[in-house]
Amino acid sequence: MDLNYYDTLIAVAEDCPVDESTVPPPGRDGKKTIAVVQFEMLSDGPGELTQEDVLFETWLRRQEGLGAVPEAERAELRARLFAKPQACLRASPLPKKYGWGLLFDARGRVTLCPMESEDYRRIVAGSVPDVTVRRAMRSRRG
């Protein structure tokens, strides 16, 4: 089952608390938050990862004691992770709290799209007809 988005922008949540994109702050005790892990992955390799890659790598990097995982074991862990339902990137803190849109291309590869950028504004306004806009999930019920 393919969990990736294609030609889609995950726009910031309606209740996003910022007016422009911000870099997520480091976590307590030096432990990276989900937002920091995802931000680093996506800013270091724009257009390289799919939603599934981001979800798996986020989960993997936050597991304590795993260290370097051989490729065969990575495939097994990935299969086990996706055997259960997973929240998609619409639930990511990047579009919910930090003002980053997530733009997926035709191959399902994702790049960060700052909410203050011209590209973001054009896509959200509907000026790019081949891109579907989905809002990130709200942080609070409304």
N, C-alpha and C. Protein backbone atom coordinates (compact mmCIF):
# COMPACT_ATOMS: atom_id res chain seq x y z
N MET A 1 0.84 -1.18 0.00
CA MET A 1 0.00 0.00 0.00
C MET A 1 0.89 1.25 0.00
N ASP A 2 0.60 2.16 -0.89
CA ASP A 2 1.38 3.39 -1.05
C ASP A 2 0.78 4.49 -0.17
N LEU A 3 1.58 5.00 0.75
CA LEU A 3 1.12 6.05 1.66
C LEU A 3 1.59 7.44 1.24
N ASN A 4 2.21 7.56 0.09
CA ASN A 4 2.81 8.82 -0.32
C ASN A 4 1.80 9.76 -0.96
N TYR A 5 2.12 11.05 -0.92
CA TYR A 5 1.36 12.08 -1.61
C TYR A 5 2.08 12.39 -2.92
N TYR A 6 1.31 12.82 -3.93
CA TYR A 6 1.85 13.19 -5.23
C TYR A 6 1.24 14.52 -5.66
N ASP A 7 2.07 15.43 -6.19
CA ASP A 7 1.58 16.73 -6.66
C ASP A 7 0.63 17.35 -5.63
N THR A 8 1.11 17.43 -4.40
CA THR A 8 0.27 17.90 -3.29
C THR A 8 1.07 18.83 -2.40
N LEU A 9 0.40 19.86 -1.89
CA LEU A 9 0.97 20.71 -0.87
C LEU A 9 0.20 20.46 0.42
N ILE A 10 0.91 20.09 1.47
CA ILE A 10 0.30 20.09 2.80
C ILE A 10 0.51 21.50 3.34
N ALA A 11 -0.57 22.26 3.34
CA ALA A 11 -0.51 23.66 3.78
C ALA A 11 -0.52 23.71 5.31
N VAL A 12 -0.05 24.80 5.85
CA VAL A 12 0.00 24.94 7.30
C VAL A 12 -1.42 24.86 7.87
N ALA A 13 -1.50 24.39 9.11
CA ALA A 13 -2.78 24.23 9.78
C ALA A 13 -3.46 25.59 9.97
N GLU A 14 -4.77 25.57 10.00
CA GLU A 14 -5.52 26.81 10.21
C GLU A 14 -5.16 27.48 11.52
N ASP A 15 -4.79 26.68 12.52
CA ASP A 15 -4.45 27.26 13.83
C ASP A 15 -2.94 27.30 14.08
N CYS A 16 -2.17 27.33 13.00
CA CYS A 16 -0.71 27.44 13.14
C CYS A 16 -0.39 28.75 13.86
N PRO A 17 0.44 28.70 14.91
CA PRO A 17 0.68 29.88 15.73
C PRO A 17 1.69 30.90 15.19
N VAL A 18 2.32 30.64 14.03
CA VAL A 18 3.32 31.56 13.50
C VAL A 18 2.85 32.20 12.20
N ASP A 19 3.43 33.35 11.86
CA ASP A 19 3.09 34.06 10.64
C ASP A 19 4.08 33.82 9.52
N GLU A 20 5.23 33.24 9.88
CA GLU A 20 6.22 32.85 8.87
C GLU A 20 6.95 31.62 9.39
N SER A 21 7.54 30.88 8.47
CA SER A 21 8.21 29.63 8.86
C SER A 21 9.37 29.90 9.81
N THR A 22 9.51 29.01 10.79
CA THR A 22 10.58 29.13 11.77
C THR A 22 11.26 27.78 11.95
N VAL A 23 12.53 27.82 12.26
CA VAL A 23 13.28 26.59 12.51
C VAL A 23 12.86 26.06 13.88
N PRO A 24 12.51 24.78 13.96
CA PRO A 24 12.11 24.22 15.26
C PRO A 24 13.26 24.27 16.26
N PRO A 25 12.96 24.60 17.52
CA PRO A 25 14.01 24.66 18.53
C PRO A 25 14.47 23.26 18.95
N PRO A 26 15.70 23.15 19.46
CA PRO A 26 16.17 21.83 19.91
C PRO A 26 15.35 21.35 21.10
N GLY A 27 15.31 20.04 21.25
CA GLY A 27 14.57 19.46 22.36
C GLY A 27 15.32 19.55 23.67
N ARG A 28 14.67 19.13 24.71
CA ARG A 28 15.30 19.13 26.04
C ARG A 28 16.37 18.07 26.13
N ASP A 29 17.34 18.31 26.94
CA ASP A 29 18.41 17.35 27.22
C ASP A 29 19.14 16.91 25.95
N GLY A 30 19.13 17.75 24.93
CA GLY A 30 19.85 17.41 23.70
C GLY A 30 19.15 16.40 22.81
N LYS A 31 18.00 15.87 23.24
CA LYS A 31 17.26 14.91 22.41
C LYS A 31 16.47 15.66 21.34
N LYS A 32 16.62 15.24 20.11
CA LYS A 32 15.94 15.93 19.01
C LYS A 32 14.45 15.59 19.01
N THR A 33 13.66 16.63 18.81
CA THR A 33 12.22 16.45 18.70
C THR A 33 11.89 15.93 17.30
N ILE A 34 10.66 15.48 17.13
CA ILE A 34 10.20 15.05 15.80
C ILE A 34 10.35 16.20 14.81
N ALA A 35 9.99 17.41 15.23
CA ALA A 35 10.09 18.57 14.34
C ALA A 35 11.53 18.80 13.89
N VAL A 36 12.48 18.72 14.82
CA VAL A 36 13.89 18.93 14.48
C VAL A 36 14.39 17.84 13.55
N VAL A 37 14.07 16.59 13.84
CA VAL A 37 14.50 15.47 12.98
C VAL A 37 13.97 15.66 11.57
N GLN A 38 12.68 15.95 11.44
CA GLN A 38 12.08 16.11 10.11
C GLN A 38 12.62 17.35 9.40
N PHE A 39 12.80 18.45 10.12
CA PHE A 39 13.34 19.65 9.51
C PHE A 39 14.74 19.40 8.97
N GLU A 40 15.59 18.75 9.77
CA GLU A 40 16.96 18.47 9.32
C GLU A 40 16.95 17.57 8.09
N MET A 41 16.14 16.53 8.10
CA MET A 41 16.08 15.63 6.94
C MET A 41 15.66 16.37 5.68
N LEU A 42 14.61 17.15 5.79
CA LEU A 42 14.05 17.81 4.61
C LEU A 42 14.88 19.00 4.15
N SER A 43 15.55 19.69 5.06
CA SER A 43 16.38 20.81 4.62
C SER A 43 17.74 20.31 4.10
N ASP A 44 18.22 19.18 4.61
CA ASP A 44 19.49 18.62 4.12
C ASP A 44 19.34 17.94 2.76
N GLY A 45 18.16 17.41 2.46
CA GLY A 45 17.96 16.70 1.21
C GLY A 45 16.63 17.03 0.56
N PRO A 46 16.45 18.30 0.11
CA PRO A 46 15.17 18.65 -0.49
C PRO A 46 14.89 17.81 -1.74
N GLY A 47 13.67 17.30 -1.82
CA GLY A 47 13.26 16.52 -2.99
C GLY A 47 13.84 15.13 -3.07
N GLU A 48 14.42 14.64 -1.98
CA GLU A 48 15.02 13.30 -2.00
C GLU A 48 14.14 12.23 -1.36
N LEU A 49 13.30 12.61 -0.41
CA LEU A 49 12.56 11.63 0.39
C LEU A 49 11.06 11.67 0.11
N THR A 50 10.42 10.51 0.26
CA THR A 50 8.97 10.43 0.18
C THR A 50 8.40 10.55 1.59
N GLN A 51 7.09 10.64 1.68
CA GLN A 51 6.46 10.66 3.00
C GLN A 51 6.84 9.41 3.80
N GLU A 52 6.79 8.25 3.16
CA GLU A 52 7.14 7.00 3.86
C GLU A 52 8.58 7.05 4.37
N ASP A 53 9.50 7.57 3.56
CA ASP A 53 10.90 7.69 3.99
C ASP A 53 11.00 8.58 5.23
N VAL A 54 10.31 9.72 5.21
CA VAL A 54 10.38 10.66 6.32
C VAL A 54 9.80 10.03 7.59
N LEU A 55 8.65 9.38 7.46
CA LEU A 55 8.04 8.76 8.63
C LEU A 55 8.93 7.66 9.22
N PHE A 56 9.49 6.82 8.35
CA PHE A 56 10.34 5.74 8.84
C PHE A 56 11.62 6.28 9.46
N GLU A 57 12.29 7.19 8.77
CA GLU A 57 13.56 7.73 9.29
C GLU A 57 13.34 8.50 10.59
N THR A 58 12.23 9.21 10.70
CA THR A 58 11.92 9.91 11.95
C THR A 58 11.78 8.91 13.08
N TRP A 59 11.01 7.87 12.85
CA TRP A 59 10.82 6.82 13.87
C TRP A 59 12.16 6.18 14.22
N LEU A 60 12.94 5.82 13.21
CA LEU A 60 14.20 5.12 13.43
C LEU A 60 15.19 5.98 14.23
N ARG A 61 15.32 7.25 13.85
CA ARG A 61 16.30 8.12 14.51
C ARG A 61 15.92 8.43 15.96
N ARG A 62 14.66 8.27 16.29
CA ARG A 62 14.24 8.54 17.67
C ARG A 62 14.25 7.29 18.56
N GLN A 63 14.60 6.14 18.01
CA GLN A 63 14.70 4.92 18.81
C GLN A 63 16.02 4.92 19.55
N GLU A 64 15.96 4.76 20.83
CA GLU A 64 17.19 4.76 21.62
C GLU A 64 17.85 3.39 21.54
N GLY A 65 19.16 3.41 21.41
CA GLY A 65 19.92 2.17 21.46
C GLY A 65 19.99 1.39 20.16
N LEU A 66 19.35 1.89 19.08
CA LEU A 66 19.42 1.14 17.82
C LEU A 66 20.76 1.35 17.12
N GLY A 67 21.30 2.55 17.18
CA GLY A 67 22.56 2.83 16.51
C GLY A 67 22.44 2.62 15.01
N ALA A 68 23.55 2.23 14.39
CA ALA A 68 23.55 1.97 12.95
C ALA A 68 22.83 0.65 12.69
N VAL A 69 21.89 0.67 11.78
CA VAL A 69 21.09 -0.51 11.48
C VAL A 69 21.44 -1.01 10.09
N PRO A 70 21.84 -2.30 9.95
CA PRO A 70 22.15 -2.84 8.63
C PRO A 70 20.94 -2.77 7.69
N GLU A 71 21.20 -2.68 6.40
CA GLU A 71 20.14 -2.50 5.40
C GLU A 71 19.05 -3.57 5.49
N ALA A 72 19.42 -4.83 5.67
CA ALA A 72 18.43 -5.91 5.75
C ALA A 72 17.51 -5.71 6.96
N GLU A 73 18.10 -5.30 8.07
CA GLU A 73 17.29 -5.07 9.27
C GLU A 73 16.41 -3.83 9.11
N ARG A 74 16.91 -2.82 8.39
CA ARG A 74 16.12 -1.62 8.12
C ARG A 74 14.85 -1.99 7.36
N ALA A 75 14.98 -2.85 6.36
CA ALA A 75 13.83 -3.26 5.57
C ALA A 75 12.80 -3.98 6.45
N GLU A 76 13.28 -4.83 7.34
CA GLU A 76 12.40 -5.55 8.26
C GLU A 76 11.69 -4.58 9.21
N LEU A 77 12.44 -3.62 9.77
CA LEU A 77 11.85 -2.63 10.68
C LEU A 77 10.83 -1.76 9.95
N ARG A 78 11.15 -1.39 8.72
CA ARG A 78 10.23 -0.56 7.93
C ARG A 78 8.93 -1.31 7.65
N ALA A 79 9.05 -2.58 7.27
CA ALA A 79 7.86 -3.39 7.00
C ALA A 79 7.00 -3.51 8.25
N ARG A 80 7.63 -3.72 9.40
CA ARG A 80 6.88 -3.83 10.65
C ARG A 80 6.20 -2.52 11.02
N LEU A 81 6.91 -1.40 10.83
CA LEU A 81 6.34 -0.09 11.16
C LEU A 81 5.09 0.17 10.32
N PHE A 82 5.17 -0.08 9.01
CA PHE A 82 4.05 0.23 8.13
C PHE A 82 2.99 -0.87 8.09
N ALA A 83 3.18 -1.93 8.84
CA ALA A 83 2.14 -2.95 8.97
C ALA A 83 1.00 -2.42 9.84
N LYS A 84 1.31 -1.39 10.64
CA LYS A 84 0.31 -0.76 11.49
C LYS A 84 -0.04 0.61 10.90
N PRO A 85 -1.24 1.10 11.15
CA PRO A 85 -1.60 2.44 10.65
C PRO A 85 -0.64 3.51 11.20
N GLN A 86 -0.30 4.47 10.34
CA GLN A 86 0.62 5.56 10.71
C GLN A 86 -0.05 6.89 10.42
N ALA A 87 0.22 7.87 11.28
CA ALA A 87 -0.22 9.23 11.00
C ALA A 87 0.61 9.76 9.82
N CYS A 88 -0.03 10.47 8.92
CA CYS A 88 0.69 11.01 7.77
C CYS A 88 1.35 12.34 8.15
N LEU A 89 2.03 12.94 7.21
CA LEU A 89 2.73 14.20 7.49
C LEU A 89 1.78 15.38 7.67
N ARG A 90 0.48 15.18 7.47
CA ARG A 90 -0.47 16.24 7.82
C ARG A 90 -0.48 16.45 9.33
N ALA A 91 0.02 15.46 10.08
CA ALA A 91 0.11 15.56 11.54
C ALA A 91 1.50 16.01 12.00
N SER A 92 2.41 16.27 11.07
CA SER A 92 3.76 16.71 11.41
C SER A 92 3.73 18.07 12.10
N PRO A 93 4.62 18.27 13.07
CA PRO A 93 4.69 19.59 13.71
C PRO A 93 5.17 20.69 12.75
N LEU A 94 5.82 20.34 11.66
CA LEU A 94 6.32 21.38 10.75
C LEU A 94 5.19 22.22 10.17
N PRO A 95 4.14 21.63 9.58
CA PRO A 95 3.03 22.47 9.11
C PRO A 95 2.03 22.84 10.20
N LYS A 96 2.05 22.15 11.32
CA LYS A 96 1.10 22.45 12.39
C LYS A 96 1.56 23.61 13.27
N LYS A 97 2.86 23.68 13.56
CA LYS A 97 3.35 24.65 14.54
C LYS A 97 4.42 25.60 14.03
N TYR A 98 5.15 25.20 12.97
CA TYR A 98 6.33 25.98 12.59
C TYR A 98 6.23 26.67 11.23
N GLY A 99 5.07 26.60 10.56
CA GLY A 99 4.86 27.38 9.35
C GLY A 99 5.48 26.85 8.07
N TRP A 100 5.79 25.56 8.03
CA TRP A 100 6.37 24.97 6.83
C TRP A 100 5.32 24.18 6.07
N GLY A 101 5.08 24.55 4.81
CA GLY A 101 4.29 23.71 3.95
C GLY A 101 5.17 22.56 3.48
N LEU A 102 4.55 21.45 3.13
CA LEU A 102 5.28 20.28 2.62
C LEU A 102 4.80 20.05 1.19
N LEU A 103 5.69 20.26 0.23
CA LEU A 103 5.33 20.19 -1.19
C LEU A 103 5.85 18.89 -1.79
N PHE A 104 4.93 18.07 -2.28
CA PHE A 104 5.26 16.78 -2.89
C PHE A 104 5.18 16.91 -4.40
N ASP A 105 6.20 16.39 -5.09
CA ASP A 105 6.22 16.46 -6.55
C ASP A 105 5.52 15.23 -7.15
N ALA A 106 5.60 15.09 -8.47
CA ALA A 106 4.93 13.99 -9.17
C ALA A 106 5.50 12.62 -8.80
N ARG A 107 6.75 12.59 -8.28
CA ARG A 107 7.36 11.32 -7.86
C ARG A 107 7.14 11.04 -6.38
N GLY A 108 6.41 11.95 -5.69
CA GLY A 108 6.15 11.76 -4.27
C GLY A 108 7.26 12.26 -3.37
N ARG A 109 8.22 12.99 -3.94
CA ARG A 109 9.35 13.52 -3.16
C ARG A 109 8.95 14.85 -2.54
N VAL A 110 9.38 15.08 -1.31
CA VAL A 110 8.91 16.24 -0.56
C VAL A 110 10.01 17.28 -0.35
N THR A 111 9.60 18.55 -0.42
CA THR A 111 10.48 19.66 -0.09
C THR A 111 9.73 20.59 0.86
N LEU A 112 10.48 21.31 1.67
CA LEU A 112 9.88 22.32 2.54
C LEU A 112 9.47 23.51 1.70
N CYS A 113 8.32 24.09 2.03
CA CYS A 113 7.81 25.25 1.31
C CYS A 113 7.37 26.28 2.35
N PRO A 114 8.20 27.30 2.62
CA PRO A 114 7.85 28.28 3.65
C PRO A 114 6.54 29.00 3.36
N MET A 115 5.73 29.16 4.38
CA MET A 115 4.41 29.76 4.19
C MET A 115 4.46 31.20 3.68
N GLU A 116 5.58 31.89 3.86
CA GLU A 116 5.69 33.27 3.39
C GLU A 116 6.22 33.36 1.95
N SER A 117 6.53 32.21 1.34
CA SER A 117 7.10 32.22 -0.01
C SER A 117 6.03 32.47 -1.08
N GLU A 118 6.48 33.00 -2.20
CA GLU A 118 5.58 33.24 -3.33
C GLU A 118 5.00 31.93 -3.86
N ASP A 119 5.82 30.87 -3.94
CA ASP A 119 5.33 29.57 -4.41
C ASP A 119 4.18 29.08 -3.53
N TYR A 120 4.36 29.16 -2.22
CA TYR A 120 3.33 28.71 -1.29
C TYR A 120 2.03 29.49 -1.53
N ARG A 121 2.15 30.82 -1.60
CA ARG A 121 0.96 31.66 -1.78
C ARG A 121 0.23 31.32 -3.07
N ARG A 122 0.99 31.13 -4.15
CA ARG A 122 0.37 30.81 -5.45
C ARG A 122 -0.36 29.47 -5.40
N ILE A 123 0.27 28.48 -4.79
CA ILE A 123 -0.35 27.15 -4.73
C ILE A 123 -1.62 27.17 -3.88
N VAL A 124 -1.54 27.80 -2.71
CA VAL A 124 -2.71 27.88 -1.82
C VAL A 124 -3.85 28.66 -2.47
N ALA A 125 -3.51 29.68 -3.26
CA ALA A 125 -4.53 30.48 -3.93
C ALA A 125 -5.17 29.74 -5.11
N GLY A 126 -4.64 28.58 -5.46
CA GLY A 126 -5.20 27.81 -6.57
C GLY A 126 -4.63 28.17 -7.92
N SER A 127 -3.54 28.93 -7.96
CA SER A 127 -2.93 29.36 -9.22
C SER A 127 -2.07 28.28 -9.86
N VAL A 128 -1.89 27.17 -9.19
CA VAL A 128 -1.13 26.05 -9.74
C VAL A 128 -2.08 24.85 -9.77
N PRO A 129 -2.84 24.72 -10.87
CA PRO A 129 -3.95 23.77 -10.90
C PRO A 129 -3.55 22.29 -10.77
N ASP A 130 -2.31 21.95 -11.08
CA ASP A 130 -1.94 20.53 -11.01
C ASP A 130 -1.43 20.12 -9.62
N VAL A 131 -1.55 21.01 -8.63
CA VAL A 131 -1.14 20.69 -7.26
C VAL A 131 -2.37 20.74 -6.35
N THR A 132 -2.62 19.63 -5.67
CA THR A 132 -3.72 19.53 -4.71
C THR A 132 -3.26 20.12 -3.38
N VAL A 133 -4.13 20.88 -2.73
CA VAL A 133 -3.80 21.46 -1.43
C VAL A 133 -4.59 20.73 -0.35
N ARG A 134 -3.87 20.23 0.64
CA ARG A 134 -4.48 19.60 1.82
C ARG A 134 -3.95 20.35 3.03
N ARG A 135 -4.79 20.69 3.94
CA ARG A 135 -4.36 21.39 5.16
C ARG A 135 -3.78 20.40 6.16
N ALA A 136 -2.79 20.86 6.91
CA ALA A 136 -2.27 20.08 8.03
C ALA A 136 -3.39 20.01 9.07
N MET A 137 -3.31 19.00 9.90
CA MET A 137 -4.32 18.84 10.94
C MET A 137 -4.18 19.94 11.99
N ARG A 138 -5.31 20.36 12.48
CA ARG A 138 -5.33 21.39 13.53
C ARG A 138 -4.74 20.83 14.81
N SER A 139 -4.16 21.70 15.61
CA SER A 139 -3.63 21.29 16.90
C SER A 139 -4.74 21.15 17.94
N ARG A 140 -5.77 21.99 17.79
CA ARG A 140 -6.89 21.96 18.72
C ARG A 140 -8.18 21.73 17.98
N ARG A 141 -9.12 21.17 18.68
CA ARG A 141 -10.44 21.01 18.08
C ARG A 141 -11.07 22.36 17.90
N GLY A 142 -11.84 22.50 16.84
CA GLY A 142 -12.37 23.82 16.64
C GLY A 142 -13.74 23.84 16.15
